[in-house]
Protein backbone atom coordinates (compact mmCIF):
# COMPACT_ATOMS: atom_id res chain seq x y z
CA MET A 1 -29.83 -42.13 26.77
CA GLN A 2 -28.23 -40.38 29.72
CA SER A 3 -29.32 -41.25 33.26
CA PRO A 4 -31.01 -38.57 35.41
CA ASP A 5 -28.01 -38.54 37.76
CA VAL A 6 -25.66 -37.65 34.89
CA VAL A 7 -28.00 -34.95 33.57
CA ALA A 8 -28.21 -33.44 37.06
CA LEU A 9 -24.44 -32.97 37.04
CA TRP A 10 -24.44 -30.75 33.91
CA PRO A 11 -25.27 -27.49 35.80
CA LEU A 12 -22.47 -28.17 38.27
CA LEU A 13 -20.02 -28.98 35.48
CA ARG A 14 -21.04 -25.81 33.65
CA LEU A 15 -20.53 -23.73 36.79
CA VAL A 16 -17.06 -25.17 37.34
CA ALA A 17 -16.13 -24.66 33.68
CA LEU A 18 -17.43 -21.09 33.76
CA TYR A 19 -15.45 -20.34 36.92
CA VAL A 20 -12.23 -21.72 35.44
CA HIS A 21 -13.00 -19.83 32.21
CA VAL A 22 -13.29 -16.52 34.06
CA VAL A 23 -10.11 -17.19 36.08
CA ALA A 24 -8.26 -17.97 32.85
CA CYS A 25 -9.52 -14.68 31.38
CA PHE A 26 -8.10 -12.78 34.35
CA GLY A 27 -4.86 -14.75 34.09
CA ALA A 28 -4.53 -13.93 30.41
CA ALA A 29 -5.23 -10.24 31.10
CA ALA A 30 -2.54 -10.15 33.80
CA ALA A 31 -0.04 -11.86 31.48
CA ILE A 32 -0.81 -9.41 28.68
CA VAL A 33 -0.21 -6.47 31.03
CA LEU A 34 3.10 -8.03 32.09
CA GLY A 35 4.03 -8.48 28.45
CA ASP A 36 3.31 -4.83 27.70
CA LEU A 37 5.34 -3.78 30.73
CA ALA A 38 8.19 -6.00 29.58
CA VAL A 39 8.21 -4.22 26.22
CA PHE A 40 7.51 -0.60 27.12
CA LEU A 41 8.26 -0.02 30.82
CA HIS A 42 12.04 0.15 30.61
CA ARG A 43 14.56 1.58 28.21
CA GLN A 44 15.07 -1.88 26.74
CA VAL A 45 12.72 -4.84 26.30
CA ASP A 46 12.76 -7.16 29.32
CA ARG A 47 13.16 -10.35 27.31
CA ARG A 48 12.97 -12.72 30.28
CA LEU A 49 9.68 -11.27 31.50
CA LEU A 50 8.32 -11.15 27.93
CA ARG A 51 9.08 -14.84 27.39
CA ARG A 52 7.39 -15.75 30.67
CA ALA A 53 4.33 -13.60 29.96
CA SER A 54 4.00 -15.15 26.51
CA SER A 55 4.04 -18.64 28.03
CA TRP A 56 1.30 -17.69 30.51
CA VAL A 57 -0.89 -16.26 27.76
CA ALA A 58 -0.53 -19.45 25.71
CA LYS A 59 -1.52 -21.60 28.69
CA ALA A 60 -4.48 -19.36 29.52
CA LEU A 61 -5.65 -19.53 25.91
CA GLY A 62 -5.54 -23.32 26.03
CA VAL A 63 -7.65 -23.36 29.21
CA LEU A 64 -10.12 -20.93 27.60
CA TRP A 65 -10.51 -23.23 24.59
CA VAL A 66 -11.22 -26.29 26.76
CA THR A 67 -13.62 -24.60 29.18
CA GLY A 68 -15.33 -22.64 26.40
CA LEU A 69 -16.04 -25.80 24.42
CA ILE A 70 -17.41 -27.48 27.54
CA ILE A 71 -19.80 -24.58 28.15
CA ILE A 72 -20.88 -24.49 24.51
CA GLY A 73 -21.40 -28.23 24.50
CA ILE A 74 -23.62 -28.09 27.59
CA ASP A 75 -25.62 -25.11 26.33
CA THR A 76 -26.13 -26.19 22.72
CA GLY A 77 -25.22 -29.86 22.53
CA LEU A 78 -22.86 -28.76 19.72
CA ASP A 79 -25.88 -28.68 17.46
CA LEU A 80 -24.86 -26.74 14.34
CA ALA A 81 -28.40 -25.49 13.73
CA VAL A 82 -28.49 -24.02 17.23
CA LEU A 83 -24.98 -22.55 16.98
CA LEU A 84 -25.83 -20.72 13.76
CA THR A 85 -28.61 -18.81 15.54
CA LYS A 86 -26.25 -17.40 18.18
CA GLY A 87 -24.47 -14.42 16.63
CA LYS A 88 -22.57 -13.36 19.73
CA LEU A 89 -21.27 -16.87 20.31
CA LEU A 90 -20.14 -17.16 16.69
CA ALA A 91 -18.42 -13.78 16.95
CA LYS A 92 -16.56 -14.86 20.07
CA PHE A 93 -15.59 -18.12 18.42
CA SER A 94 -14.26 -16.21 15.40
CA VAL A 95 -12.25 -13.83 17.59
CA VAL A 96 -10.74 -16.69 19.60
CA ILE A 97 -9.70 -18.48 16.39
CA LEU A 98 -7.99 -15.28 15.18
CA LEU A 99 -6.39 -14.86 18.62
CA THR A 100 -4.97 -18.37 18.40
CA LEU A 101 -3.58 -17.80 14.90
CA ASN A 102 -2.14 -14.46 16.01
CA GLY A 103 -0.52 -16.16 19.01
CA LEU A 104 1.18 -18.65 16.70
CA ALA A 105 2.40 -15.76 14.54
CA LEU A 106 3.73 -13.97 17.62
CA HIS A 107 5.76 -17.02 18.63
CA LYS A 108 7.01 -17.67 15.10
CA TRP A 109 7.83 -14.16 13.89
CA ALA A 110 7.52 -11.51 16.61
CA LEU A 111 9.30 -12.95 19.66
CA PRO A 112 12.43 -14.05 17.76
CA ARG A 113 12.76 -10.50 16.42
CA LEU A 114 12.59 -9.08 19.94
CA MET A 115 15.12 -11.52 21.37
CA ALA A 116 18.07 -10.80 19.08
CA PRO A 117 20.10 -7.69 18.21
CA THR A 118 19.21 -6.03 14.93
CA TYR A 119 20.77 -3.42 12.68
CA GLU A 120 17.39 -2.60 11.13
CA PRO A 121 15.33 -1.64 14.20
CA GLU A 122 12.67 0.25 12.26
CA ARG A 123 12.00 -2.70 10.00
CA THR A 124 12.32 -5.27 12.78
CA ALA A 125 9.79 -3.47 14.98
CA ARG A 126 6.97 -3.56 12.42
CA ILE A 127 5.73 -7.13 12.82
CA PRO A 128 5.97 -7.30 16.65
CA ALA A 129 4.18 -3.96 17.01
CA LEU A 130 1.32 -4.88 14.68
CA LEU A 131 0.87 -8.42 15.98
CA GLY A 132 0.96 -7.13 19.56
CA ALA A 133 -1.73 -4.57 18.77
CA PHE A 134 -3.84 -7.26 17.07
CA SER A 135 -3.51 -9.44 20.17
CA LEU A 136 -4.41 -6.70 22.64
CA ALA A 137 -7.43 -5.52 20.64
CA SER A 138 -8.67 -9.09 20.21
CA TRP A 139 -8.38 -9.93 23.90
CA LEU A 140 -10.22 -6.75 24.86
CA PHE A 141 -12.95 -7.45 22.32
CA ALA A 142 -13.31 -11.06 23.51
CA ALA A 143 -13.80 -9.72 27.05
CA PHE A 144 -16.38 -7.26 25.72
CA LEU A 145 -18.27 -10.09 24.03
CA GLY A 146 -18.51 -11.83 27.37
CA LEU A 147 -20.55 -8.88 28.66
CA ALA A 148 -22.42 -8.00 25.47
CA LYS A 149 -25.45 -10.27 25.84
CA PRO A 150 -27.90 -7.29 25.83
CA LEU A 151 -26.53 -6.29 22.40
CA ALA A 152 -26.77 -9.74 20.84
CA GLY A 153 -30.23 -9.19 19.40
CA VAL A 154 -29.31 -5.74 18.08
CA LEU A 155 -25.93 -6.35 16.45
CA GLY A 156 -25.90 -10.02 15.51
CA TYR A 157 -22.80 -11.70 14.11
CA ALA A 158 -22.22 -9.15 11.34
CA GLY A 159 -22.57 -6.19 13.71
CA PHE A 160 -20.16 -7.64 16.26
CA MET A 161 -17.57 -8.44 13.60
CA GLN A 162 -17.84 -4.94 12.10
CA PHE A 163 -17.27 -3.49 15.55
CA TYR A 164 -14.31 -5.85 15.96
CA GLY A 165 -12.86 -4.75 12.63
CA LEU A 166 -13.04 -1.10 13.66
CA SER A 167 -11.32 -1.84 16.97
CA LEU A 168 -8.55 -3.67 15.11
CA LEU A 169 -8.02 -0.75 12.72
CA LEU A 170 -7.75 1.65 15.63
CA ALA A 171 -5.31 -0.58 17.51
CA LEU A 172 -3.13 -1.13 14.44
CA ALA A 173 -3.05 2.61 13.69
CA VAL A 174 -1.95 3.41 17.25
CA ALA A 175 0.68 0.67 17.13
CA TRP A 176 2.06 1.89 13.81
CA HIS A 177 2.30 5.56 14.75
CA TRP A 178 3.26 5.21 18.43
CA GLY A 179 4.25 1.67 19.39
CA ARG A 180 6.45 0.89 16.39
CA PRO A 181 8.80 3.92 16.70
CA ARG A 182 9.20 3.40 20.44
CA LEU A 183 9.91 -0.29 20.01
CA ALA A 184 12.43 0.51 17.28
CA ARG A 185 14.29 2.83 19.65
CA GLN A 186 14.40 0.11 22.30
CA LEU A 187 15.70 -2.44 19.82
CA ALA A 188 18.36 -0.01 18.65
CA GLU A 189 19.51 0.60 22.23
CA TYR A 190 19.64 -3.13 22.91
CA THR A 191 21.77 -3.66 19.82
CA ALA A 192 24.08 -0.83 20.79
CA ASP A 193 24.55 -2.26 24.29
CA SER A 194 24.92 -5.89 23.18
CA ALA A 195 28.21 -5.59 21.31
CA PRO A 196 30.64 -2.87 20.33
CA ILE A 197 30.32 -1.65 16.77
CA ALA A 198 33.59 -1.55 14.88
CA PHE A 199 33.76 1.56 12.77
CA ASP A 200 35.65 1.52 9.51
CA PRO A 201 36.87 5.04 8.64
CA LEU A 202 36.62 4.14 4.97
CA GLY A 203 33.19 2.53 5.02
CA PRO A 204 29.95 1.87 6.88
CA PRO A 205 29.85 0.35 10.38
CA ALA A 206 30.80 -3.31 10.43
CA ASN A 207 28.14 -5.76 11.58
CA PRO A 208 29.66 -8.05 14.27
CA TRP A 209 26.89 -10.66 13.72
CA GLN A 210 27.37 -10.92 9.96
CA ARG A 211 29.29 -13.98 8.87
CA SER A 212 32.10 -13.40 6.47
């Protein structure tokens, strides 16, 4: 059994965790904006800024996980029966899990494609564009969930997740029809500026990165 002095500290601990949680949210938002600027602001992708922004987002996400679990633990005692009655909290938890998986996919598949020259820019741009749109929509929806307490009793878990699914579809559609072609052009320009292309008058352009 916990002593009264320890119990009295829970509100203070929750306040500190909530403050750090909010600061991490703002930090993640700033890093995401920097990442978008690194990709779309200039004629070519600013790979140095993109790598730095990605690192900041990963750190912010880690802080959000720790502080979020502390807040949930204080509010619910991590009691599964209590957690299952909180639709908005379950929705936020689901979105953060998907955000984490998407972040791993970005580091594994998207960033390497943006860091190297490519002779198939249209194809190369597909995964980074879609994963980036998934990330942006998920972060925005997670922020919305933080303010959606008045809607918790109306929507519930299913309603929030349906709304989230619609926002993802919209973001992916915009990324496919607008973000992907623009990113492909930037990748093509980066490839053209990275190394001279040797043209064979009797055949297709030679690929200077292809091993013989």
